[in-house]
Amino acid sequence: MILNSNRKLMLGIGIMVSFALLILSISIYFNFQHDLREQSRLDPNLIDDLTIDEIKEVIIEQRSTQPVFHSYYLLPFMGFIGLLVGTLVFYVMSDKVVQQERTLKNNTKIILNFLTSSERKMIETLLENGGKVQQYELSHLPNLNKVKTHRILLNLEQKKIIHKERLGKINKIVLDKELYDVLKD
C-alpha cells in the first residue's frame, strides 16, 4: 500500500514539474520572439523619408544584427521531455515491482501452509517479536516443551527459514530477513 501511494505521489510530482518546465520553455521562446519583433520594427517616421532600396538595406542590416536563438533556451524543454519520460518509465516499472511483491507474498503464504501448526506458531511468534526471539520463549508456547521446540527449530533451520545466534548459554532464534520482510505486513 505504501509503495502504491508513493507511486501516485511521484507520478503527480513528476508530471507537475515536467509541465512547469514546458511552460517555462514556451515562455522563454515567446519572450525571445517578442523581443525579436520589437527590435525589427521600423520607426514609421523613418520609413516616410526612405526609399524602397534604403528600407531593404535597413531590414537586411537588422536581420544581420538580430540575436541568435541559443540552444540553452531549449534546456527547460529538454528537461520537460526527460522528466516526463522518466516519470512514465518509473510508473510502469514500479507497477511491475508491486506485482512481484504481491506474487512473492502469495507464494510465501502458500509455502507457509506446508509447515506444521507448531512451526507456524513459532513463525508467528517470531513475527510478533520483530523476527528475533530467545529459544526458551518458544518452548513456553502451548503444546510445546524444550525437546519438541528443539526438534522443530532444527527442522526450520534445515529449511533455512531461521538461524540460531549463540548468546552465551542462550540461543537467539532469528527469522530469515527476506522472509521477515515479506511476512511482517
Protein backbone atom coordinates (compact mmCIF):
# COMPACT_ATOMS: atom_id res chain seq x y z
CA MET A 1 0.00 0.00 0.00
CA ILE A 2 2.81 2.42 0.85
CA LEU A 3 4.54 1.81 -2.48
CA ASN A 4 1.27 2.37 -4.33
CA SER A 5 0.67 5.77 -2.70
CA ASN A 6 4.32 6.69 -3.26
CA ARG A 7 3.92 5.77 -6.93
CA LYS A 8 0.95 8.09 -7.29
CA LEU A 9 2.75 10.87 -5.43
CA MET A 10 5.88 10.51 -7.59
CA LEU A 11 3.77 10.42 -10.75
CA GLY A 12 1.91 13.57 -9.72
CA ILE A 13 5.08 15.46 -8.78
CA GLY A 14 6.86 14.33 -11.95
CA ILE A 15 4.03 15.42 -14.20
CA MET A 16 3.60 18.78 -12.43
CA VAL A 17 7.33 19.60 -12.57
CA SER A 18 7.61 18.49 -16.20
CA PHE A 19 4.69 20.67 -17.24
CA ALA A 20 6.18 23.58 -15.27
CA LEU A 21 9.34 23.11 -17.34
CA LEU A 22 7.23 23.02 -20.51
CA ILE A 23 5.52 26.30 -19.57
CA LEU A 24 8.91 27.84 -18.75
CA SER A 25 10.38 26.81 -22.10
CA ILE A 26 7.34 28.11 -24.01
CA SER A 27 7.53 31.38 -22.07
CA ILE A 28 11.24 31.77 -22.87
CA TYR A 29 10.59 31.10 -26.54
CA PHE A 30 7.74 33.61 -26.83
CA ASN A 31 9.70 36.25 -24.90
CA PHE A 32 12.57 35.76 -27.34
CA GLN A 33 10.18 36.09 -30.30
CA HIS A 34 8.60 39.20 -28.78
CA ASP A 35 11.98 40.85 -28.25
CA LEU A 36 12.94 39.93 -31.80
CA ARG A 37 9.80 41.59 -33.20
CA GLU A 38 10.35 44.69 -31.10
CA GLN A 39 13.88 45.07 -32.41
CA SER A 40 12.88 44.51 -36.02
CA ARG A 41 10.15 47.17 -36.12
CA LEU A 42 10.89 50.21 -38.18
CA ASP A 43 10.12 53.68 -36.97
CA PRO A 44 7.14 54.99 -39.01
CA ASN A 45 8.70 58.47 -39.22
CA LEU A 46 11.92 56.98 -40.58
CA ILE A 47 10.09 54.98 -43.29
CA ASP A 48 8.48 58.08 -44.77
CA ASP A 49 11.89 59.59 -45.54
CA LEU A 50 13.46 56.42 -47.02
CA THR A 51 13.28 54.91 -50.47
CA ILE A 52 12.38 51.28 -51.09
CA ASP A 53 16.04 50.30 -51.57
CA GLU A 54 17.04 52.06 -48.32
CA ILE A 55 14.23 50.26 -46.44
CA LYS A 56 15.51 46.93 -47.83
CA GLU A 57 19.04 47.79 -46.64
CA VAL A 58 17.78 48.70 -43.14
CA ILE A 59 15.87 45.39 -42.95
CA ILE A 60 18.90 43.41 -44.13
CA GLU A 61 21.11 45.21 -41.60
CA GLN A 62 18.64 44.50 -38.78
CA ARG A 63 18.49 40.80 -39.69
CA SER A 64 22.26 40.53 -39.61
CA THR A 65 22.38 42.07 -36.12
CA GLN A 66 19.44 40.12 -34.67
CA PRO A 67 20.19 37.96 -31.67
CA VAL A 68 20.61 34.26 -32.30
CA PHE A 69 18.29 31.76 -30.63
CA HIS A 70 20.78 29.94 -28.41
CA SER A 71 20.44 26.26 -27.64
CA TYR A 72 20.41 26.86 -23.89
CA TYR A 73 16.91 28.28 -24.35
CA LEU A 74 15.90 24.69 -25.10
CA LEU A 75 17.19 23.30 -21.77
CA PRO A 76 13.83 23.61 -19.97
CA PHE A 77 12.14 21.87 -22.90
CA MET A 78 14.70 19.07 -22.83
CA GLY A 79 14.16 18.83 -19.05
CA PHE A 80 10.41 18.54 -19.69
CA ILE A 81 10.88 15.68 -22.15
CA GLY A 82 13.37 13.87 -19.92
CA LEU A 83 11.34 14.24 -16.74
CA LEU A 84 8.10 13.23 -18.42
CA VAL A 85 9.67 10.11 -19.95
CA GLY A 86 11.43 9.28 -16.67
CA THR A 87 8.22 9.65 -14.69
CA LEU A 88 6.30 7.41 -17.05
CA VAL A 89 9.06 4.76 -17.01
CA PHE A 90 9.12 4.91 -13.19
CA TYR A 91 5.36 4.44 -13.06
CA VAL A 92 5.40 1.46 -15.42
CA MET A 93 8.41 -0.18 -13.74
CA SER A 94 7.07 0.33 -10.21
CA ASP A 95 3.86 -1.39 -11.31
CA LYS A 96 5.96 -4.46 -12.11
CA VAL A 97 7.63 -4.24 -8.68
CA VAL A 98 4.23 -4.09 -6.97
CA GLN A 99 3.08 -7.15 -8.94
CA GLN A 100 6.25 -9.05 -7.98
CA GLU A 101 5.75 -8.17 -4.29
CA ARG A 102 2.17 -9.45 -4.40
CA THR A 103 3.27 -12.66 -6.11
CA LEU A 104 6.08 -13.15 -3.58
CA LYS A 105 3.72 -12.60 -0.66
CA ASN A 106 1.16 -15.05 -2.05
CA ASN A 107 3.85 -17.66 -2.76
CA THR A 108 5.27 -17.26 0.74
CA LYS A 109 1.87 -17.73 2.34
CA ILE A 110 1.33 -20.86 0.24
CA ILE A 111 4.72 -22.21 1.31
CA LEU A 112 3.92 -21.48 4.98
CA ASN A 113 0.79 -23.61 4.62
CA PHE A 114 3.10 -26.61 4.18
CA LEU A 115 4.50 -26.08 7.68
CA THR A 116 3.06 -27.87 10.66
CA SER A 117 0.88 -25.96 13.09
CA SER A 118 3.69 -25.87 15.66
CA GLU A 119 6.12 -24.50 13.08
CA ARG A 120 3.58 -21.84 12.06
CA LYS A 121 3.08 -20.87 15.72
CA MET A 122 6.82 -20.34 16.04
CA ILE A 123 6.97 -18.25 12.87
CA GLU A 124 4.03 -16.15 14.11
CA THR A 125 5.78 -15.65 17.48
CA LEU A 126 8.94 -14.58 15.67
CA LEU A 127 6.92 -12.10 13.57
CA GLU A 128 5.26 -10.66 16.69
CA ASN A 129 8.69 -10.10 18.25
CA GLY A 130 10.38 -8.38 15.31
CA GLY A 131 11.83 -11.56 13.79
CA LYS A 132 14.02 -12.37 16.82
CA VAL A 133 13.24 -14.28 19.99
CA GLN A 134 15.14 -16.33 22.55
CA GLN A 135 14.74 -20.09 22.27
CA TYR A 136 13.40 -20.61 25.78
CA GLU A 137 10.48 -18.24 24.99
CA LEU A 138 9.41 -20.56 22.17
CA SER A 139 9.39 -23.58 24.49
CA HIS A 140 6.71 -21.83 26.58
CA LEU A 141 4.25 -21.82 23.68
CA PRO A 142 1.15 -24.02 24.15
CA ASN A 143 1.68 -27.76 23.49
CA LEU A 144 5.47 -27.34 23.30
CA ASN A 145 8.33 -28.38 25.56
CA LYS A 146 12.09 -27.95 25.29
CA VAL A 147 12.67 -31.16 23.32
CA LYS A 148 9.82 -30.58 20.88
CA THR A 149 10.88 -26.93 20.44
CA HIS A 150 14.47 -28.02 19.73
CA ARG A 151 13.33 -30.54 17.07
CA ILE A 152 11.03 -28.03 15.36
CA LEU A 153 13.80 -25.42 15.34
CA LEU A 154 16.24 -27.91 13.79
CA ASN A 155 13.68 -28.64 11.09
CA LEU A 156 13.12 -24.91 10.41
CA GLU A 157 16.87 -24.33 10.39
CA GLN A 158 17.36 -27.09 7.79
CA LYS A 159 14.68 -25.41 5.65
CA LYS A 160 16.66 -22.14 6.05
CA ILE A 161 13.64 -20.34 7.49
CA ILE A 162 15.52 -19.44 10.68
CA HIS A 163 19.04 -19.42 12.02
CA LYS A 164 20.39 -19.53 15.56
CA GLU A 165 22.70 -16.98 17.13
CA ARG A 166 24.55 -18.14 20.21
CA LEU A 167 24.42 -15.73 23.18
CA GLY A 168 26.41 -17.49 25.89
CA LYS A 169 24.21 -20.35 27.08
CA ILE A 170 21.13 -18.98 25.31
CA ASN A 171 20.18 -19.31 21.66
CA LYS A 172 18.59 -16.41 19.89
CA ILE A 173 16.32 -17.54 17.05
CA VAL A 174 16.28 -15.18 14.05
CA LEU A 175 13.80 -15.40 11.19
CA ASP A 176 15.29 -15.15 7.70
CA LYS A 177 15.40 -11.43 6.83
CA GLU A 178 13.77 -11.75 3.41
CA LEU A 179 11.02 -13.93 4.81
CA TYR A 180 10.52 -11.50 7.69
CA ASP A 181 10.24 -8.55 5.27
CA VAL A 182 7.57 -10.36 3.27
CA LEU A 183 5.56 -11.62 6.23
CA LYS A 184 5.71 -8.63 8.59
CA ASP A 185 2.78 -6.92 6.87
